[in-house]
């Protein structure tokens, strides 16, 4: 009986199509977000008689869809306000439409329509301003809106602060833990390493809600304090609660890269340090710590990047008082995906820049350590 013929996956038959699929699968959503961030949808704008409105609000919306105060600068249309009525010219190729909108007590009291300077419809109930643009148009207004909006910048800076503090605390706890872990016997440290990984096997939201049951007003901690006669503490809905849970969730991402680097350090280097007269602390700070920098950089990246975009933790533990940029993006996307996309691109650029700076600092690092994971 003849053996089955061997099936060889050639580079052309498998590798290239697979590579193309992988690139499209990974890059397509990113390209779409970037595309939306530099575009806006052309919206028509309607005003209604007897509705509360102001000339400034209407002009802001008209300016958004392409109108300009100076007719020489606008091929779509123009408008002007004389203090009593707002005149809007809606561009059409043959006959321009002109609307005069009158205001009284903060409401629109009258809307008249003209064509070729002749009144054709008096006292309209509403008017919809049309323009010849359709679909979308390219603009950087989404980015300008983000950096000029005080509320957005406040949330952005708050997110940077929370992510930075979470990363610092993770490093302060993670490095000593990884160092002690690397000094253990191999069998013992393998068991302890699994214990650090065990919480990561539990659902992320379950871990967050578990902390909520611990520190909420009627939680376990306040119950214990009340039982011993101490006053209850307001721990929920604070920045401290958000940072606490972020440190808890991201601490393994700091410990494991540092541990992976420390166990790969050549022991003869440490012995040489002792032979040259360095004590334990000088060896730690002048030999071990520099060799662990690649692992520290990797841990900082793996902690800071998800911390700055996390929104579930801030939403559950911080409420509306500690909203982060990830939560703001989720909220904005539901109503304005163009502005939400711009916010996402800004955060993505920030994360890529931080990763580039960290990796650039360690490009010339020695290979004695474990290296970046």
Protein backbone atom coordinates (compact mmCIF):
# COMPACT_ATOMS: atom_id res chain seq x y z
CA UNK A 1 0.00 0.00 0.00
CA UNK A 2 1.39 3.36 -1.04
CA UNK A 3 1.96 5.99 1.59
CA UNK A 4 -0.10 9.14 1.50
CA UNK A 5 1.63 11.88 -0.47
CA UNK A 6 3.13 14.62 1.66
CA UNK A 7 1.32 17.94 1.57
CA UNK A 8 3.76 20.78 1.73
CA UNK A 9 2.49 24.28 2.51
CA UNK A 10 4.50 26.45 0.18
CA UNK A 11 5.23 30.07 0.89
CA UNK A 12 3.00 31.21 -1.93
CA UNK A 13 0.09 28.90 -1.12
CA UNK A 14 -0.14 29.64 2.58
CA UNK A 15 2.31 32.11 4.05
CA UNK A 16 1.53 35.20 1.99
CA UNK A 17 -2.29 34.90 2.04
CA UNK A 18 -2.15 34.25 5.79
CA UNK A 19 0.10 37.25 6.30
CA UNK A 20 -2.23 39.47 4.27
CA UNK A 21 -5.24 38.25 6.27
CA UNK A 22 -3.46 38.86 9.57
CA UNK A 23 -2.44 42.38 8.57
CA UNK A 24 -5.94 43.26 7.37
CA UNK A 25 -7.52 41.68 10.45
CA UNK A 26 -5.30 43.68 12.81
CA UNK A 27 -4.91 46.94 10.91
CA UNK A 28 -8.39 47.47 9.42
CA UNK A 29 -10.09 48.58 12.69
CA UNK A 30 -7.15 50.88 13.40
CA UNK A 31 -7.37 52.47 9.95
CA UNK A 32 -11.11 52.95 10.41
CA UNK A 33 -10.65 54.73 13.75
CA UNK A 34 -7.95 57.00 12.31
CA UNK A 35 -10.16 57.75 9.30
CA UNK A 36 -13.12 58.72 11.48
CA UNK A 37 -10.92 60.90 13.68
CA UNK A 38 -10.03 63.13 10.71
CA UNK A 39 -13.55 63.34 9.30
CA UNK A 40 -16.99 64.64 10.20
CA UNK A 41 -20.42 63.83 8.84
CA UNK A 42 -22.19 66.66 7.06
CA UNK A 43 -25.33 67.25 9.06
CA UNK A 44 -28.27 69.35 8.01
CA UNK A 45 -29.54 71.72 10.65
CA UNK A 46 -33.18 72.56 11.35
CA UNK A 47 -34.71 75.43 13.33
CA UNK A 48 -38.34 75.66 14.44
CA UNK A 49 -40.70 78.53 15.12
CA UNK A 50 -41.53 79.16 18.81
CA UNK A 51 -38.59 76.98 19.92
CA UNK A 52 -36.05 78.44 22.29
CA UNK A 53 -32.98 79.35 20.27
CA UNK A 54 -30.49 82.12 19.82
CA UNK A 55 -28.72 83.59 16.78
CA UNK A 56 -25.36 82.52 18.23
CA UNK A 57 -26.42 78.85 18.53
CA UNK A 58 -27.80 78.82 14.99
CA UNK A 59 -24.68 80.48 13.58
CA UNK A 60 -22.46 77.98 15.38
CA UNK A 61 -24.33 75.12 13.70
CA UNK A 62 -24.29 76.81 10.32
CA UNK A 63 -20.57 77.39 10.65
CA UNK A 64 -20.19 73.68 11.46
CA UNK A 65 -21.75 72.59 8.17
CA UNK A 66 -19.69 74.95 6.08
CA UNK A 67 -21.18 78.43 6.16
CA UNK A 68 -18.97 81.46 6.55
CA UNK A 69 -19.64 84.99 7.70
CA UNK A 70 -17.71 86.39 4.73
CA UNK A 71 -19.45 85.58 1.41
CA UNK A 72 -16.11 85.79 -0.38
CA UNK A 73 -14.82 82.87 1.67
CA UNK A 74 -17.82 80.62 1.21
CA UNK A 75 -19.10 78.88 -1.91
CA UNK A 76 -21.81 77.10 0.07
CA UNK A 77 -23.64 79.97 1.65
CA UNK A 78 -23.41 82.89 4.02
CA UNK A 79 -25.23 84.49 6.91
CA UNK A 80 -25.26 87.70 8.90
CA UNK A 81 -27.02 89.01 11.99
CA UNK A 82 -28.01 92.65 12.28
CA UNK A 83 -29.16 92.53 15.90
CA UNK A 84 -32.81 92.00 14.99
CA UNK A 85 -32.94 89.24 12.41
CA UNK A 86 -30.63 86.53 11.16
CA UNK A 87 -30.35 86.30 7.37
CA UNK A 88 -29.14 83.01 5.94
CA UNK A 89 -28.46 82.37 2.26
CA UNK A 90 -28.63 78.71 1.30
CA UNK A 91 -26.57 78.00 -1.78
CA UNK A 92 -28.22 76.53 -4.87
CA UNK A 93 -26.82 76.49 -8.40
CA UNK A 94 -29.79 78.30 -9.99
CA UNK A 95 -31.68 80.29 -7.38
CA UNK A 96 -30.27 80.95 -3.90
CA UNK A 97 -32.72 80.60 -1.06
CA UNK A 98 -32.69 83.27 1.63
CA UNK A 99 -34.26 82.92 5.05
CA UNK A 100 -34.83 85.70 7.57
CA UNK A 101 -35.23 84.52 11.14
CA UNK A 102 -36.61 86.89 13.78
CA UNK A 103 -36.23 86.42 17.54
CA UNK A 104 -38.32 87.51 20.50
CA UNK A 105 -37.80 86.65 24.19
CA UNK A 106 -35.22 83.99 23.36
CA UNK A 107 -37.48 82.20 20.86
CA UNK A 108 -37.84 82.21 17.08
CA UNK A 109 -40.91 84.33 16.35
CA UNK A 110 -40.86 84.46 12.56
CA UNK A 111 -39.24 82.66 9.63
CA UNK A 112 -39.58 84.11 6.10
CA UNK A 113 -38.27 82.55 2.88
CA UNK A 114 -37.09 84.54 -0.12
CA UNK A 115 -36.00 83.51 -3.59
CA UNK A 116 -34.20 85.99 -5.82
CA UNK A 117 -35.01 88.64 -3.22
CA UNK A 118 -38.76 87.96 -3.47
CA UNK A 119 -40.81 86.75 -0.50
CA UNK A 120 -42.20 83.36 -1.51
CA UNK A 121 -43.25 81.89 1.84
CA UNK A 122 -44.16 83.95 4.87
CA UNK A 123 -44.01 82.74 8.44
CA UNK A 124 -42.66 79.19 7.99
CA UNK A 125 -43.00 76.70 10.83
CA UNK A 126 -39.45 75.44 10.37
CA UNK A 127 -36.57 75.49 7.94
CA UNK A 128 -33.89 72.92 7.19
CA UNK A 129 -30.60 74.34 5.98
CA UNK A 130 -29.25 72.22 3.16
CA UNK A 131 -25.86 72.33 1.51
CA UNK A 132 -24.33 70.66 -1.47
CA UNK A 133 -21.87 68.67 0.63
CA UNK A 134 -22.90 65.09 1.32
CA UNK A 135 -21.48 62.24 3.31
CA UNK A 136 -18.32 63.26 5.18
CA UNK A 137 -15.58 65.83 4.93
CA UNK A 138 -12.01 65.89 6.23
CA UNK A 139 -11.18 68.14 9.15
CA UNK A 140 -9.00 68.43 12.26
CA UNK A 141 -11.87 69.95 14.25
CA UNK A 142 -12.17 66.77 16.33
CA UNK A 143 -8.64 67.20 17.68
CA UNK A 144 -9.05 70.96 18.15
CA UNK A 145 -12.25 70.29 20.06
CA UNK A 146 -10.47 67.88 22.40
CA UNK A 147 -7.56 70.17 23.29
CA UNK A 148 -9.75 73.28 23.54
CA UNK A 149 -12.36 71.57 25.73
CA UNK A 150 -11.61 72.12 29.40
CA UNK A 151 -13.66 69.13 30.54
CA UNK A 152 -11.91 66.74 28.12
CA UNK A 153 -8.47 67.96 29.18
CA UNK A 154 -9.42 67.62 32.85
CA UNK A 155 -10.42 63.98 32.32
CA UNK A 156 -7.28 63.38 30.24
CA UNK A 157 -4.94 64.79 32.92
CA UNK A 158 -6.80 62.85 35.62
CA UNK A 159 -6.27 59.64 33.62
CA UNK A 160 -2.55 60.37 33.28
CA UNK A 161 -2.28 60.97 37.02
CA UNK A 162 -4.14 57.77 37.96
CA UNK A 163 -2.15 55.67 35.45
CA UNK A 164 1.15 57.20 36.63
CA UNK A 165 0.42 56.65 40.32
CA UNK A 166 -0.78 53.10 39.67
CA UNK A 167 2.42 52.35 37.75
CA UNK A 168 4.61 53.85 40.50
CA UNK A 169 2.92 51.81 43.23
CA UNK A 170 3.11 48.66 41.11
CA UNK A 171 6.85 49.25 40.64
CA UNK A 172 7.45 49.95 44.34
CA UNK A 173 5.66 46.74 45.28
CA UNK A 174 6.61 44.67 42.24
CA UNK A 175 10.40 45.03 42.20
CA UNK A 176 11.02 43.90 45.82
CA UNK A 177 8.50 41.08 45.33
CA UNK A 178 10.18 39.91 42.11
CA UNK A 179 13.62 40.17 43.77
CA UNK A 180 12.58 38.07 46.77
CA UNK A 181 10.88 35.60 44.43
CA UNK A 182 14.04 35.23 42.32
CA UNK A 183 16.05 34.39 45.46
CA UNK A 184 13.82 31.43 46.36
CA UNK A 185 14.54 27.84 45.44
CA UNK A 186 13.26 26.88 42.03
CA UNK A 187 10.48 24.62 43.26
CA UNK A 188 9.27 27.19 45.80
CA UNK A 189 9.32 30.13 43.40
CA UNK A 190 7.41 28.15 40.80
CA UNK A 191 4.63 27.55 43.33
CA UNK A 192 4.60 31.22 44.42
CA UNK A 193 4.56 32.35 40.76
CA UNK A 194 1.43 30.30 40.17
CA UNK A 195 -0.15 32.00 43.19
CA UNK A 196 0.48 35.37 41.53
CA UNK A 197 -1.16 34.10 38.35
CA UNK A 198 -4.22 32.62 40.07
CA UNK A 199 -6.13 35.94 40.40
CA UNK A 200 -5.63 36.55 36.67
CA UNK A 201 -7.63 33.40 35.94
CA UNK A 202 -10.68 35.01 37.52
CA UNK A 203 -12.85 37.35 35.48
CA UNK A 204 -11.63 40.94 35.56
CA UNK A 205 -15.03 42.36 36.57
CA UNK A 206 -15.46 39.80 39.35
CA UNK A 207 -12.16 40.89 40.88
CA UNK A 208 -13.21 44.54 40.68
CA UNK A 209 -16.60 43.88 42.27
CA UNK A 210 -14.88 41.83 44.98
CA UNK A 211 -12.94 44.92 46.01
CA UNK A 212 -16.17 46.90 45.98
CA UNK A 213 -17.71 44.53 48.53
CA UNK A 214 -14.62 45.04 50.68
CA UNK A 215 -14.44 48.85 50.78
CA UNK A 216 -17.97 50.11 50.10
CA UNK A 217 -19.85 51.97 52.84
CA UNK A 218 -21.51 48.79 54.14
CA UNK A 219 -18.63 46.56 53.11
CA UNK A 220 -16.51 44.15 55.09
CA UNK A 221 -13.84 46.69 56.11
CA UNK A 222 -16.33 49.23 57.47
CA UNK A 223 -18.26 46.45 59.18
CA UNK A 224 -15.09 45.37 61.03
CA UNK A 225 -14.31 48.99 61.96
CA UNK A 226 -17.83 49.47 63.29
CA UNK A 227 -17.62 46.28 65.34
CA UNK A 228 -14.52 47.55 67.18
CA UNK A 229 -15.99 51.03 67.72
CA UNK A 230 -14.05 52.88 65.04
CA UNK A 231 -15.76 55.28 62.57
CA UNK A 232 -16.58 54.03 59.08
CA UNK A 233 -14.32 55.25 56.28
CA UNK A 234 -15.51 56.74 52.97
CA UNK A 235 -13.35 54.65 50.66
CA UNK A 236 -15.59 54.24 47.62
CA UNK A 237 -15.83 56.72 44.74
CA UNK A 238 -12.41 58.22 45.33
CA UNK A 239 -9.19 58.31 43.33
CA UNK A 240 -7.59 56.20 46.03
CA UNK A 241 -10.09 53.41 45.42
CA UNK A 242 -9.45 53.52 41.67
CA UNK A 243 -5.66 53.45 42.12
CA UNK A 244 -5.94 50.64 44.72
CA UNK A 245 -7.87 48.34 42.39
CA UNK A 246 -5.66 49.21 39.41
CA UNK A 247 -2.58 48.28 41.42
CA UNK A 248 -4.26 45.02 42.42
CA UNK A 249 -5.23 44.17 38.83
CA UNK A 250 -1.99 45.21 37.10
CA UNK A 251 0.57 44.18 39.73
CA UNK A 252 1.24 40.74 38.12
CA UNK A 253 2.11 42.54 34.87
CA UNK A 254 4.86 44.34 36.76
CA UNK A 255 6.15 41.43 38.84
CA UNK A 256 6.44 38.78 36.13
CA UNK A 257 8.63 40.73 33.60
CA UNK A 258 10.99 41.84 36.37
CA UNK A 259 11.12 38.32 37.81
CA UNK A 260 11.77 36.90 34.34
CA UNK A 261 14.74 39.28 33.98
CA UNK A 262 16.18 38.72 37.45
CA UNK A 263 16.34 34.92 37.19
CA UNK A 264 18.33 35.23 33.95
CA UNK A 265 21.06 37.43 35.40
CA UNK A 266 24.43 35.66 35.33
CA UNK A 267 25.22 34.78 38.96
CA UNK A 268 28.94 35.19 38.30
CA UNK A 269 28.37 38.94 37.84
CA UNK A 270 26.84 39.18 41.31
CA UNK A 271 29.63 37.07 42.80
CA UNK A 272 32.19 39.35 41.13
CA UNK A 273 30.53 42.35 42.77
CA UNK A 274 30.90 40.73 46.20
CA UNK A 275 34.52 39.75 45.43
CA UNK A 276 35.32 43.37 44.58
CA UNK A 277 34.13 44.50 48.01
CA UNK A 278 30.55 45.63 47.36
CA UNK A 279 28.09 44.87 50.12
CA UNK A 280 24.56 43.56 49.58
CA UNK A 281 22.95 46.98 49.11
CA UNK A 282 25.60 48.31 46.69
CA UNK A 283 25.27 45.13 44.67
CA UNK A 284 21.51 45.50 44.60
CA UNK A 285 21.46 49.14 43.49
CA UNK A 286 24.58 49.24 41.29
CA UNK A 287 24.53 45.79 39.68
CA UNK A 288 21.20 43.99 39.97
CA UNK A 289 18.92 47.00 39.47
CA UNK A 290 20.65 48.24 36.26
CA UNK A 291 20.57 44.71 34.83
CA UNK A 292 16.84 44.51 35.66
CA UNK A 293 16.02 47.71 33.74
CA UNK A 294 14.77 45.85 30.63
CA UNK A 295 12.27 43.93 32.78
CA UNK A 296 11.30 47.11 34.63
CA UNK A 297 10.70 48.90 31.32
CA UNK A 298 8.57 46.04 30.09
CA UNK A 299 6.59 46.00 33.35
CA UNK A 300 6.05 49.77 33.26
CA UNK A 301 4.77 49.55 29.69
CA UNK A 302 2.48 46.61 30.46
CA UNK A 303 1.08 48.49 33.46
CA UNK A 304 0.86 52.10 32.26
CA UNK A 305 -0.68 51.39 28.85
CA UNK A 306 -3.76 49.45 30.07
CA UNK A 307 -4.09 51.68 33.14
CA UNK A 308 -4.51 54.86 31.11
CA UNK A 309 -7.29 53.34 28.98
CA UNK A 310 -9.08 51.32 31.68
CA UNK A 311 -12.67 52.40 32.18
CA UNK A 312 -14.42 49.56 34.06
CA UNK A 313 -12.41 50.14 37.24
CA UNK A 314 -13.00 53.89 37.30
CA UNK A 315 -16.67 53.39 36.50
CA UNK A 316 -17.24 50.86 39.31
CA UNK A 317 -14.88 52.21 41.96
CA UNK A 318 -14.73 55.92 41.15
CA UNK A 319 -18.19 56.76 39.83
CA UNK A 320 -18.66 60.08 38.03
CA UNK A 321 -16.13 61.84 40.24
CA UNK A 322 -13.14 59.87 38.90
CA UNK A 323 -14.05 59.28 35.25
CA UNK A 324 -11.01 58.44 33.14
CA UNK A 325 -10.33 58.95 29.45
CA UNK A 326 -11.32 55.36 28.67
CA UNK A 327 -14.72 55.93 30.27
CA UNK A 328 -15.05 59.26 28.46
CA UNK A 329 -14.31 57.61 25.10
CA UNK A 330 -16.96 54.97 25.77
CA UNK A 331 -19.52 57.66 26.64
CA UNK A 332 -18.69 59.92 23.68
CA UNK A 333 -18.67 57.08 21.14
CA UNK A 334 -22.37 56.44 21.70
CA UNK A 335 -23.29 59.92 20.46
CA UNK A 336 -20.31 61.12 18.41
CA UNK A 337 -18.03 58.43 17.05
CA UNK A 338 -15.93 61.01 15.14
CA UNK A 339 -14.94 62.84 18.31
CA UNK A 340 -14.58 59.52 20.14
CA UNK A 341 -12.25 58.26 17.40
CA UNK A 342 -10.10 61.39 17.72
CA UNK A 343 -9.82 60.83 21.46
CA UNK A 344 -8.82 57.21 20.82
CA UNK A 345 -6.14 58.25 18.33
CA UNK A 346 -4.70 60.79 20.79
CA UNK A 347 -4.44 58.12 23.49
CA UNK A 348 -2.96 55.66 20.99
CA UNK A 349 -0.28 58.17 19.96
CA UNK A 350 0.50 58.84 23.63
CA UNK A 351 0.89 55.11 24.34
CA UNK A 352 3.06 54.54 21.25
CA UNK A 353 5.25 57.51 22.22
CA UNK A 354 5.71 56.21 25.76
CA UNK A 355 6.55 52.72 24.47
CA UNK A 356 9.01 54.20 21.96
CA UNK A 357 10.75 56.28 24.62
CA UNK A 358 11.02 53.34 27.00
CA UNK A 359 12.30 50.95 24.32
CA UNK A 360 14.69 53.62 23.00
CA UNK A 361 16.30 54.02 26.39
CA UNK A 362 17.03 50.29 26.51
CA UNK A 363 18.08 49.68 22.92
CA UNK A 364 21.71 49.64 24.00
CA UNK A 365 21.14 47.68 27.22
CA UNK A 366 23.42 44.82 28.10
CA UNK A 367 22.32 41.29 27.32
CA UNK A 368 23.36 39.98 30.74
CA UNK A 369 19.85 40.46 32.06
CA UNK A 370 16.74 38.75 30.87
CA UNK A 371 15.87 41.36 28.28
CA UNK A 372 12.46 42.60 27.32
CA UNK A 373 9.72 40.00 27.22
